[in-house]
């Protein structure tokens, strides 16, 4: 049996130490030098994200070449439009399918149209703007609102394992001057918590890392049986106790190594005492 993959380090004096760097990390053969290489690349562009939902991608794209991203924690996303159609007299009704990411996510916390919030007052859009959220489960069905509007011969995709929104707009020249720009704040991927056996939303960095390492559809797909659960549980509890969170939209064009680097560097910014104290620094956004 392969040796266990452990979260390297022990809790020493309230800090998680791993070699000369304080970092929540692990060693696998492809990433034995990950901490050193990640530090120089990420130190100039990462920041604390426990108090922000800006670590996403707010711009709406429209391309058939887009990779689905991963929404970890709480992030604001623009998404990729995979379907647009107008129907009705004078094409008054606009329907858009906006993909937010891969996998099953939890819930929408807020939505914005042209940077105006739909919650809690709808900010003047009334019935002219509405959306239907699909959380990306493996059993989700076709959106009936869209299908009834455009016909099953036009739209019949249930987009399983894909989190997306169906938008419906009614044209009003006083409210819309063009294609509305849309973004949402989302509580992202539901994560398996190996401490409780429950799968639910979390922004605990250790659970995010575990999810990416073990997921066989969008992650690295390592065998969970080689995980050293004692060390992972200890570290996950420590992260919860400190209130550290991971809120980031992982773009679909990132390599597995870059994703792992990003997660580890996020922890390093919180815990490293060297080469300088980052406890109060504000790193520029990526």
C-alpha atoms as a PDB file:
ATOM      1  CA  UNK A   1       0.000   0.000   0.000  1.00  0.00           C
ATOM      2  CA  UNK A   2       1.319   3.506  -0.823  1.00  0.00           C
ATOM      3  CA  UNK A   3       2.557   5.613   2.059  1.00  0.00           C
ATOM      4  CA  UNK A   4       0.026   8.005   3.555  1.00  0.00           C
ATOM      5  CA  UNK A   5      -0.284  11.570   2.299  1.00  0.00           C
ATOM      6  CA  UNK A   6      -0.066  13.687   5.443  1.00  0.00           C
ATOM      7  CA  UNK A   7      -0.555  17.343   6.078  1.00  0.00           C
ATOM      8  CA  UNK A   8       3.080  18.063   6.807  1.00  0.00           C
ATOM      9  CA  UNK A   9       3.885  19.836  10.055  1.00  0.00           C
ATOM     10  CA  UNK A  10       2.981  19.925  13.692  1.00  0.00           C
ATOM     11  CA  UNK A  11       1.399  22.632  15.775  1.00  0.00           C
ATOM     12  CA  UNK A  12       4.253  24.415  17.508  1.00  0.00           C
ATOM     13  CA  UNK A  13       3.580  27.476  19.629  1.00  0.00           C
ATOM     14  CA  UNK A  14       0.308  28.182  17.844  1.00  0.00           C
ATOM     15  CA  UNK A  15       1.896  28.074  14.381  1.00  0.00           C
ATOM     16  CA  UNK A  16       1.880  25.225  11.921  1.00  0.00           C
ATOM     17  CA  UNK A  17       5.545  24.656  11.104  1.00  0.00           C
ATOM     18  CA  UNK A  18       6.850  22.770   8.083  1.00  0.00           C
ATOM     19  CA  UNK A  19      10.606  22.987   7.680  1.00  0.00           C
ATOM     20  CA  UNK A  20      11.658  26.633   7.551  1.00  0.00           C
ATOM     21  CA  UNK A  21       8.232  27.780   6.381  1.00  0.00           C
ATOM     22  CA  UNK A  22       4.986  27.879   8.329  1.00  0.00           C
ATOM     23  CA  UNK A  23       2.605  26.353   5.815  1.00  0.00           C
ATOM     24  CA  UNK A  24      -0.281  23.960   5.663  1.00  0.00           C
ATOM     25  CA  UNK A  25       1.121  21.576   3.120  1.00  0.00           C
ATOM     26  CA  UNK A  26       1.657  18.057   1.947  1.00  0.00           C
ATOM     27  CA  UNK A  27       4.268  16.163  -0.009  1.00  0.00           C
ATOM     28  CA  UNK A  28       3.509  14.226  -3.144  1.00  0.00           C
ATOM     29  CA  UNK A  29       6.115  13.247  -5.706  1.00  0.00           C
ATOM     30  CA  UNK A  30       5.131  15.849  -8.284  1.00  0.00           C
ATOM     31  CA  UNK A  31       5.248  18.667  -5.725  1.00  0.00           C
ATOM     32  CA  UNK A  32       8.241  18.074  -3.491  1.00  0.00           C
ATOM     33  CA  UNK A  33       9.510  21.618  -4.029  1.00  0.00           C
ATOM     34  CA  UNK A  34       6.148  23.305  -4.176  1.00  0.00           C
ATOM     35  CA  UNK A  35       6.583  25.686  -1.244  1.00  0.00           C
ATOM     36  CA  UNK A  36       9.796  27.270  -2.471  1.00  0.00           C
ATOM     37  CA  UNK A  37       8.615  27.680  -6.047  1.00  0.00           C
ATOM     38  CA  UNK A  38       5.201  28.998  -5.083  1.00  0.00           C
ATOM     39  CA  UNK A  39       6.521  31.646  -2.703  1.00  0.00           C
ATOM     40  CA  UNK A  40       8.415  33.679  -5.293  1.00  0.00           C
ATOM     41  CA  UNK A  41       5.565  33.487  -7.810  1.00  0.00           C
ATOM     42  CA  UNK A  42       2.698  34.332  -5.496  1.00  0.00           C
ATOM     43  CA  UNK A  43       4.018  36.681  -2.829  1.00  0.00           C
ATOM     44  CA  UNK A  44       3.454  39.761  -4.968  1.00  0.00           C
ATOM     45  CA  UNK A  45      -0.088  39.027  -6.009  1.00  0.00           C
ATOM     46  CA  UNK A  46      -1.986  37.244  -3.221  1.00  0.00           C
ATOM     47  CA  UNK A  47      -3.935  38.786  -0.375  1.00  0.00           C
ATOM     48  CA  UNK A  48      -6.036  37.745   2.574  1.00  0.00           C
ATOM     49  CA  UNK A  49      -9.527  36.838   1.450  1.00  0.00           C
ATOM     50  CA  UNK A  50     -11.356  36.068   4.659  1.00  0.00           C
ATOM     51  CA  UNK A  51     -13.131  39.440   4.519  1.00  0.00           C
ATOM     52  CA  UNK A  52     -13.772  39.733   0.786  1.00  0.00           C
ATOM     53  CA  UNK A  53     -15.659  38.147  -2.075  1.00  0.00           C
ATOM     54  CA  UNK A  54     -13.618  39.844  -4.775  1.00  0.00           C
ATOM     55  CA  UNK A  55     -11.465  36.824  -5.591  1.00  0.00           C
ATOM     56  CA  UNK A  56     -13.588  35.810  -8.535  1.00  0.00           C
ATOM     57  CA  UNK A  57     -14.143  36.716 -12.180  1.00  0.00           C
ATOM     58  CA  UNK A  58     -16.961  39.222 -12.627  1.00  0.00           C
ATOM     59  CA  UNK A  59     -16.819  39.685 -16.398  1.00  0.00           C
ATOM     60  CA  UNK A  60     -19.316  37.799 -18.551  1.00  0.00           C
ATOM     61  CA  UNK A  61     -17.654  35.800 -21.308  1.00  0.00           C
ATOM     62  CA  UNK A  62     -19.230  34.158 -24.325  1.00  0.00           C
ATOM     63  CA  UNK A  63     -17.118  31.420 -25.814  1.00  0.00           C
ATOM     64  CA  UNK A  64     -17.320  27.733 -26.672  1.00  0.00           C
ATOM     65  CA  UNK A  65     -13.663  27.333 -25.654  1.00  0.00           C
ATOM     66  CA  UNK A  66     -14.080  28.175 -21.960  1.00  0.00           C
ATOM     67  CA  UNK A  67     -13.076  25.673 -19.287  1.00  0.00           C
ATOM     68  CA  UNK A  68     -15.372  25.417 -16.302  1.00  0.00           C
ATOM     69  CA  UNK A  69     -13.903  26.933 -13.153  1.00  0.00           C
ATOM     70  CA  UNK A  70     -14.168  25.852  -9.514  1.00  0.00           C
ATOM     71  CA  UNK A  71     -15.859  28.076  -6.928  1.00  0.00           C
ATOM     72  CA  UNK A  72     -14.281  27.432  -3.534  1.00  0.00           C
ATOM     73  CA  UNK A  73     -15.677  29.311  -0.552  1.00  0.00           C
ATOM     74  CA  UNK A  74     -17.622  32.511  -1.173  1.00  0.00           C
ATOM     75  CA  UNK A  75     -16.824  34.332  -4.422  1.00  0.00           C
ATOM     76  CA  UNK A  76     -18.324  36.713  -6.947  1.00  0.00           C
ATOM     77  CA  UNK A  77     -18.516  35.274 -10.463  1.00  0.00           C
ATOM     78  CA  UNK A  78     -19.492  36.581 -13.882  1.00  0.00           C
ATOM     79  CA  UNK A  79     -19.526  33.209 -15.629  1.00  0.00           C
ATOM     80  CA  UNK A  80     -19.676  32.173 -19.263  1.00  0.00           C
ATOM     81  CA  UNK A  81     -22.791  32.550 -21.415  1.00  0.00           C
ATOM     82  CA  UNK A  82     -23.434  29.322 -23.310  1.00  0.00           C
ATOM     83  CA  UNK A  83     -26.904  30.155 -24.653  1.00  0.00           C
ATOM     84  CA  UNK A  84     -28.647  33.406 -25.635  1.00  0.00           C
ATOM     85  CA  UNK A  85     -32.007  33.700 -27.363  1.00  0.00           C
ATOM     86  CA  UNK A  86     -34.721  36.323 -27.812  1.00  0.00           C
ATOM     87  CA  UNK A  87     -38.384  35.495 -28.270  1.00  0.00           C
ATOM     88  CA  UNK A  88     -41.763  37.194 -28.341  1.00  0.00           C
ATOM     89  CA  UNK A  89     -43.078  40.223 -30.156  1.00  0.00           C
ATOM     90  CA  UNK A  90     -40.233  42.574 -31.052  1.00  0.00           C
ATOM     91  CA  UNK A  91     -37.863  40.088 -29.342  1.00  0.00           C
ATOM     92  CA  UNK A  92     -38.861  41.545 -26.000  1.00  0.00           C
ATOM     93  CA  UNK A  93     -37.866  38.493 -23.940  1.00  0.00           C
ATOM     94  CA  UNK A  94     -34.190  37.651 -23.541  1.00  0.00           C
ATOM     95  CA  UNK A  95     -33.038  34.281 -22.165  1.00  0.00           C
ATOM     96  CA  UNK A  96     -29.447  33.554 -21.138  1.00  0.00           C
ATOM     97  CA  UNK A  97     -27.785  30.417 -19.758  1.00  0.00           C
ATOM     98  CA  UNK A  98     -24.777  31.505 -17.686  1.00  0.00           C
ATOM     99  CA  UNK A  99     -22.416  28.751 -16.495  1.00  0.00           C
ATOM    100  CA  UNK A 100     -20.774  29.486 -13.135  1.00  0.00           C
ATOM    101  CA  UNK A 101     -18.568  26.464 -12.589  1.00  0.00           C
ATOM    102  CA  UNK A 102     -17.960  22.748 -12.299  1.00  0.00           C
ATOM    103  CA  UNK A 103     -19.465  20.591  -9.573  1.00  0.00           C
ATOM    104  CA  UNK A 104     -22.267  20.942  -7.074  1.00  0.00           C
ATOM    105  CA  UNK A 105     -22.418  24.312  -5.317  1.00  0.00           C
ATOM    106  CA  UNK A 106     -24.484  25.491  -2.397  1.00  0.00           C
ATOM    107  CA  UNK A 107     -26.438  28.695  -2.997  1.00  0.00           C
ATOM    108  CA  UNK A 108     -26.583  32.194  -4.456  1.00  0.00           C
ATOM    109  CA  UNK A 109     -26.067  34.901  -1.833  1.00  0.00           C
ATOM    110  CA  UNK A 110     -26.540  37.952  -4.056  1.00  0.00           C
ATOM    111  CA  UNK A 111     -26.918  38.830  -7.728  1.00  0.00           C
ATOM    112  CA  UNK A 112     -25.956  41.949  -9.651  1.00  0.00           C
ATOM    113  CA  UNK A 113     -27.154  43.388 -12.953  1.00  0.00           C
ATOM    114  CA  UNK A 114     -24.929  46.133 -14.334  1.00  0.00           C
ATOM    115  CA  UNK A 115     -23.441  46.277 -10.809  1.00  0.00           C
ATOM    116  CA  UNK A 116     -26.844  46.962  -9.220  1.00  0.00           C
ATOM    117  CA  UNK A 117     -27.847  44.476  -6.545  1.00  0.00           C
ATOM    118  CA  UNK A 118     -31.002  42.412  -6.901  1.00  0.00           C
ATOM    119  CA  UNK A 119     -31.117  41.810  -3.138  1.00  0.00           C
ATOM    120  CA  UNK A 120     -32.826  42.688  -0.949  1.00  0.00           C
ATOM    121  CA  UNK A 121     -34.811  45.345  -2.847  1.00  0.00           C
ATOM    122  CA  UNK A 122     -34.299  44.275  -6.489  1.00  0.00           C
ATOM    123  CA  UNK A 123     -32.981  47.812  -7.080  1.00  0.00           C
ATOM    124  CA  UNK A 124     -35.745  48.822  -9.476  1.00  0.00           C
ATOM    125  CA  UNK A 125     -35.693  45.905 -11.930  1.00  0.00           C
ATOM    126  CA  UNK A 126     -38.971  44.413 -10.744  1.00  0.00           C
ATOM    127  CA  UNK A 127     -40.319  41.586 -12.894  1.00  0.00           C
ATOM    128  CA  UNK A 128     -38.099  42.613 -15.815  1.00  0.00           C
ATOM    129  CA  UNK A 129     -35.198  40.572 -14.428  1.00  0.00           C
ATOM    130  CA  UNK A 130     -35.336  37.121 -12.856  1.00  0.00           C
ATOM    131  CA  UNK A 131     -33.103  34.070 -12.648  1.00  0.00           C
ATOM    132  CA  UNK A 132     -33.294  30.369 -11.879  1.00  0.00           C
ATOM    133  CA  UNK A 133     -30.369  28.744 -10.091  1.00  0.00           C
ATOM    134  CA  UNK A 134     -29.163  25.191 -10.748  1.00  0.00           C
ATOM    135  CA  UNK A 135     -26.634  23.903  -8.244  1.00  0.00           C
ATOM    136  CA  UNK A 136     -24.772  21.395 -10.420  1.00  0.00           C
ATOM    137  CA  UNK A 137     -25.982  18.149  -8.891  1.00  0.00           C
ATOM    138  CA  UNK A 138     -25.625  14.907 -10.786  1.00  0.00           C
ATOM    139  CA  UNK A 139     -29.409  14.540 -10.933  1.00  0.00           C
ATOM    140  CA  UNK A 140     -30.540  18.033 -11.930  1.00  0.00           C
ATOM    141  CA  UNK A 141     -33.140  18.262 -14.668  1.00  0.00           C
ATOM    142  CA  UNK A 142     -33.646  20.589 -17.629  1.00  0.00           C
ATOM    143  CA  UNK A 143     -34.738  24.119 -16.712  1.00  0.00           C
ATOM    144  CA  UNK A 144     -38.458  24.066 -17.486  1.00  0.00           C
ATOM    145  CA  UNK A 145     -38.817  27.872 -17.597  1.00  0.00           C
ATOM    146  CA  UNK A 146     -36.328  28.118 -20.444  1.00  0.00           C
ATOM    147  CA  UNK A 147     -37.566  25.011 -22.203  1.00  0.00           C
ATOM    148  CA  UNK A 148     -41.186  26.180 -22.089  1.00  0.00           C
ATOM    149  CA  UNK A 149     -40.126  29.548 -23.494  1.00  0.00           C
ATOM    150  CA  UNK A 150     -37.897  28.437 -26.394  1.00  0.00           C
ATOM    151  CA  UNK A 151     -39.016  24.833 -26.935  1.00  0.00           C
ATOM    152  CA  UNK A 152     -37.433  21.471 -26.216  1.00  0.00           C
ATOM    153  CA  UNK A 153     -35.987  21.344 -29.732  1.00  0.00           C
ATOM    154  CA  UNK A 154     -33.937  24.443 -28.875  1.00  0.00           C
ATOM    155  CA  UNK A 155     -32.931  23.651 -25.284  1.00  0.00           C
ATOM    156  CA  UNK A 156     -32.905  20.190 -23.686  1.00  0.00           C
ATOM    157  CA  UNK A 157     -29.597  20.107 -21.776  1.00  0.00           C
ATOM    158  CA  UNK A 158     -29.722  19.382 -18.034  1.00  0.00           C
ATOM    159  CA  UNK A 159     -26.027  20.298 -17.602  1.00  0.00           C
ATOM    160  CA  UNK A 160     -25.383  17.756 -14.857  1.00  0.00           C
ATOM    161  CA  UNK A 161     -22.382  18.445 -12.602  1.00  0.00           C
ATOM    162  CA  UNK A 162     -22.489  22.068 -13.803  1.00  0.00           C
ATOM    163  CA  UNK A 163     -23.581  25.031 -11.700  1.00  0.00           C
ATOM    164  CA  UNK A 164     -25.440  27.562 -13.800  1.00  0.00           C
ATOM    165  CA  UNK A 165     -28.114  30.250 -13.887  1.00  0.00           C
ATOM    166  CA  UNK A 166     -30.911  30.802 -16.377  1.00  0.00           C
ATOM    167  CA  UNK A 167     -31.680  34.523 -16.720  1.00  0.00           C
ATOM    168  CA  UNK A 168     -34.895  35.967 -18.105  1.00  0.00           C
ATOM    169  CA  UNK A 169     -35.128  39.666 -19.025  1.00  0.00           C
ATOM    170  CA  UNK A 170     -38.026  41.657 -20.405  1.00  0.00           C
ATOM    171  CA  UNK A 171     -36.817  44.619 -22.405  1.00  0.00           C
ATOM    172  CA  UNK A 172     -37.395  48.039 -20.908  1.00  0.00           C
ATOM    173  CA  UNK A 173     -35.487  50.937 -22.448  1.00  0.00           C
ATOM    174  CA  UNK A 174     -35.486  52.747 -19.101  1.00  0.00           C
ATOM    175  CA  UNK A 175     -33.636  49.848 -17.455  1.00  0.00           C
ATOM    176  CA  UNK A 176     -31.483  48.236 -20.141  1.00  0.00           C
ATOM    177  CA  UNK A 177     -29.410  49.904 -22.838  1.00  0.00           C
ATOM    178  CA  UNK A 178     -27.778  46.696 -24.035  1.00  0.00           C
ATOM    179  CA  UNK A 179     -26.976  43.155 -22.993  1.00  0.00           C
ATOM    180  CA  UNK A 180     -27.075  43.210 -19.166  1.00  0.00           C
ATOM    181  CA  UNK A 181     -23.821  42.437 -17.359  1.00  0.00           C
ATOM    182  CA  UNK A 182     -24.470  39.873 -14.635  1.00  0.00           C
ATOM    183  CA  UNK A 183     -22.544  38.552 -11.646  1.00  0.00           C
ATOM    184  CA  UNK A 184     -23.442  36.591  -8.546  1.00  0.00           C
ATOM    185  CA  UNK A 185     -22.014  36.055  -5.086  1.00  0.00           C
ATOM    186  CA  UNK A 186     -22.086  32.331  -4.523  1.00  0.00           C
ATOM    187  CA  UNK A 187     -21.429  29.959  -1.679  1.00  0.00           C
ATOM    188  CA  UNK A 188     -19.498  27.569  -3.849  1.00  0.00           C
ATOM    189  CA  UNK A 189     -18.620  23.900  -3.903  1.00  0.00           C
ATOM    190  CA  UNK A 190     -20.057  21.496  -1.386  1.00  0.00           C
ATOM    191  CA  UNK A 191     -17.152  19.692   0.248  1.00  0.00           C
ATOM    192  CA  UNK A 192     -16.837  16.349   1.984  1.00  0.00           C
ATOM    193  CA  UNK A 193     -15.832  16.854   5.611  1.00  0.00           C
ATOM    194  CA  UNK A 194     -13.863  13.753   6.630  1.00  0.00           C
ATOM    195  CA  UNK A 195     -14.297  14.737  10.281  1.00  0.00           C
ATOM    196  CA  UNK A 196     -18.076  14.333  10.222  1.00  0.00           C
ATOM    197  CA  UNK A 197     -18.820  12.355   7.060  1.00  0.00           C
ATOM    198  CA  UNK A 198     -21.102  15.193   5.878  1.00  0.00           C
ATOM    199  CA  UNK A 199     -20.927  16.895   2.477  1.00  0.00           C
ATOM    200  CA  UNK A 200     -21.881  20.568   2.656  1.00  0.00           C
ATOM    201  CA  UNK A 201     -20.571  24.029   1.851  1.00  0.00           C
ATOM    202  CA  UNK A 202     -17.373  25.058   3.599  1.00  0.00           C
ATOM    203  CA  UNK A 203     -14.508  27.485   3.000  1.00  0.00           C
ATOM    204  CA  UNK A 204     -12.068  25.604   5.234  1.00  0.00           C
ATOM    205  CA  UNK A 205      -8.832  25.511   3.205  1.00  0.00           C
ATOM    206  CA  UNK A 206      -8.006  21.953   4.295  1.00  0.00           C
ATOM    207  CA  UNK A 207     -11.354  20.670   3.039  1.00  0.00           C
ATOM    208  CA  UNK A 208     -10.873  22.588  -0.221  1.00  0.00           C
ATOM    209  CA  UNK A 209      -7.460  21.008  -0.690  1.00  0.00           C
ATOM    210  CA  UNK A 210      -8.805  17.548   0.127  1.00  0.00           C
ATOM    211  CA  UNK A 211     -11.630  18.022  -2.371  1.00  0.00           C
ATOM    212  CA  UNK A 212      -9.298  19.011  -5.183  1.00  0.00           C
ATOM    213  CA  UNK A 213      -6.789  16.250  -4.466  1.00  0.00           C
ATOM    214  CA  UNK A 214      -9.356  13.446  -4.295  1.00  0.00           C
ATOM    215  CA  UNK A 215     -12.033  14.490  -6.807  1.00  0.00           C
ATOM    216  CA  UNK A 216     -11.930  12.187  -9.811  1.00  0.00           C
ATOM    217  CA  UNK A 217     -13.882  14.461 -12.175  1.00  0.00           C
ATOM    218  CA  UNK A 218     -12.193  17.846 -11.866  1.00  0.00           C
ATOM    219  CA  UNK A 219      -9.349  17.203  -9.396  1.00  0.00           C
ATOM    220  CA  UNK A 220      -6.159  15.179  -9.135  1.00  0.00           C
ATOM    221  CA  UNK A 221      -8.052  12.003  -8.257  1.00  0.00           C
ATOM    222  CA  UNK A 222      -5.721  10.466  -5.671  1.00  0.00           C
ATOM    223  CA  UNK A 223      -7.005   7.512  -3.674  1.00  0.00           C
ATOM    224  CA  UNK A 224      -8.537   8.764  -0.382  1.00  0.00           C
ATOM    225  CA  UNK A 225      -7.269   5.594   1.310  1.00  0.00           C
ATOM    226  CA  UNK A 226      -3.719   6.937   1.268  1.00  0.00           C
ATOM    227  CA  UNK A 227      -4.714  10.059   3.252  1.00  0.00           C
ATOM    228  CA  UNK A 228      -3.344  10.325   6.791  1.00  0.00           C
ATOM    229  CA  UNK A 229      -6.642  11.443   8.272  1.00  0.00           C
ATOM    230  CA  UNK A 230      -5.316  12.119  11.758  1.00  0.00           C
ATOM    231  CA  UNK A 231      -3.041  14.917  10.561  1.00  0.00           C
ATOM    232  CA  UNK A 232      -5.661  16.294   8.177  1.00  0.00           C
ATOM    233  CA  UNK A 233      -8.326  16.367  10.895  1.00  0.00           C
ATOM    234  CA  UNK A 234      -5.994  18.106  13.335  1.00  0.00           C
ATOM    235  CA  UNK A 235      -5.137  20.764  10.763  1.00  0.00           C
ATOM    236  CA  UNK A 236      -8.750  21.278   9.645  1.00  0.00           C
ATOM    237  CA  UNK A 237      -9.768  21.847  13.273  1.00  0.00           C
ATOM    238  CA  UNK A 238      -6.882  24.270  13.730  1.00  0.00           C
ATOM    239  CA  UNK A 239      -7.953  26.257  10.651  1.00  0.00           C
ATOM    240  CA  UNK A 240     -11.536  26.443  11.929  1.00  0.00           C
ATOM    241  CA  UNK A 241     -10.299  27.588  15.330  1.00  0.00           C
ATOM    242  CA  UNK A 242      -8.246  30.380  13.730  1.00  0.00           C
ATOM    243  CA  UNK A 243     -11.094  31.414  11.450  1.00  0.00           C
ATOM    244  CA  UNK A 244      -8.972  31.092   8.300  1.00  0.00           C
ATOM    245  CA  UNK A 245     -10.940  30.695   5.091  1.00  0.00           C
ATOM    246  CA  UNK A 246     -10.315  30.101   1.399  1.00  0.00           C
ATOM    247  CA  UNK A 247     -12.495  32.042  -1.026  1.00  0.00           C
ATOM    248  CA  UNK A 248     -11.295  31.811  -4.604  1.00  0.00           C
ATOM    249  CA  UNK A 249     -12.575  31.081  -8.074  1.00  0.00           C
ATOM    250  CA  UNK A 250     -10.140  28.667  -9.700  1.00  0.00           C
ATOM    251  CA  UNK A 251     -10.160  29.375 -13.418  1.00  0.00           C
ATOM    252  CA  UNK A 252     -10.435  26.387 -15.686  1.00  0.00           C
ATOM    253  CA  UNK A 253      -7.221  27.101 -17.583  1.00  0.00           C
ATOM    254  CA  UNK A 254      -5.007  26.677 -14.495  1.00  0.00           C
ATOM    255  CA  UNK A 255      -2.842  23.583 -14.254  1.00  0.00           C
ATOM    256  CA  UNK A 256      -3.169  21.198 -11.331  1.00  0.00           C
ATOM    257  CA  UNK A 257       0.195  22.370 -10.040  1.00  0.00           C
ATOM    258  CA  UNK A 258      -0.916  26.030 -10.153  1.00  0.00           C
ATOM    259  CA  UNK A 259      -4.108  25.214  -8.262  1.00  0.00           C
ATOM    260  CA  UNK A 260      -2.203  23.376  -5.538  1.00  0.00           C
ATOM    261  CA  UNK A 261       0.344  26.225  -5.394  1.00  0.00           C
ATOM    262  CA  UNK A 262      -2.490  28.709  -4.952  1.00  0.00           C
ATOM    263  CA  UNK A 263      -4.020  26.809  -2.069  1.00  0.00           C
ATOM    264  CA  UNK A 264      -0.714  26.314  -0.284  1.00  0.00           C
ATOM    265  CA  UNK A 265       0.336  29.923  -0.792  1.00  0.00           C
ATOM    266  CA  UNK A 266      -2.928  31.108   0.695  1.00  0.00           C
ATOM    267  CA  UNK A 267      -2.036  29.268   3.890  1.00  0.00           C
ATOM    268  CA  UNK A 268       1.514  30.541   3.793  1.00  0.00           C
ATOM    269  CA  UNK A 269       0.351  34.153   3.774  1.00  0.00           C
ATOM    270  CA  UNK A 270      -1.561  33.532   6.955  1.00  0.00           C
ATOM    271  CA  UNK A 271       1.094  31.636   8.870  1.00  0.00           C
ATOM    272  CA  UNK A 272       4.610  32.385   7.679  1.00  0.00           C
ATOM    273  CA  UNK A 273       6.926  34.316  10.009  1.00  0.00           C
ATOM    274  CA  UNK A 274       9.512  34.765   7.257  1.00  0.00           C
ATOM    275  CA  UNK A 275      10.881  36.337   5.160  1.00  0.00           C
ATOM    276  CA  UNK A 276       8.684  39.107   6.562  1.00  0.00           C
ATOM    277  CA  UNK A 277       5.621  39.469   8.737  1.00  0.00           C
ATOM    278  CA  UNK A 278       2.530  39.340   6.534  1.00  0.00           C
ATOM    279  CA  UNK A 279      -0.027  39.425   9.318  1.00  0.00           C
ATOM    280  CA  UNK A 280      -1.181  42.951   8.460  1.00  0.00           C
ATOM    281  CA  UNK A 281      -0.054  43.262   4.842  1.00  0.00           C
ATOM    282  CA  UNK A 282      -2.520  43.749   2.045  1.00  0.00           C
ATOM    283  CA  UNK A 283      -1.321  41.937  -1.031  1.00  0.00           C
ATOM    284  CA  UNK A 284      -2.488  43.191  -4.429  1.00  0.00           C
ATOM    285  CA  UNK A 285      -5.268  41.253  -6.129  1.00  0.00           C
ATOM    286  CA  UNK A 286      -4.466  38.653  -8.720  1.00  0.00           C
END
